[in-house]
Amino acid sequence: MSLPLWGAISDRIGRRAVYIIGCLGFAAMVYPTFMLFTTGNMWLIWLGQILGFVVFGVAMQATLSTMPVEMFDAEARTTGVNIGYQFSNTLGGGFAPLICTALVAAAGGAFWPVVVYSAVIAVVGVIATLMASVRPDTEDAGRLHVLAATQNIPTVSGKGALK
């Protein structure tokens, strides 16, 4: 239910802004969510799931299918989106359970290291989103490589490249 709402908001204020709101909200809600999980009360655990993952997690998911597409011109879109998406999911998502388990074990069963780890990952998402080259979401936006050459937009290669 909240996915179309976040999508509509992203149409008004931009996908980058909604994704950043999702990351920052997620980072802010990780600790309260874990605190609700530790109550053992089913209703509070559900509330934690909704506040911690549905509200802000869905904000990120609402823009995730569109924003990467806006980062690449048509000739490189499939490769660019898929390579980045698959590597990040494999490395970030694949190792996250192992990392979190190791953090909890190292902290003697405490969950605070997982909270810190999750918040740091969310902040990294904010930084990456701020640095990403995303075409303006308008009909006359033009091609990304042309925009980069004429407006000094950060790209992976070419004029204005991130170094």
Foldseek 3Di string as FASTA:
>chain_A
DCLVVLLVVCVVVNLLVLLLQLLQQLLVLLVVLVVLVVPPDPVSNVVSCCSNCVPSVSSNVSSLVPFLQQLADPVCSVVSSVVVVVVCCCVVVVCLVVVQVVVCVVVVNDNVVVSVVSSVVSVVVNVCSVLGQGFPPDPPRDHSVVCCAPPLREDCDDRVHDD
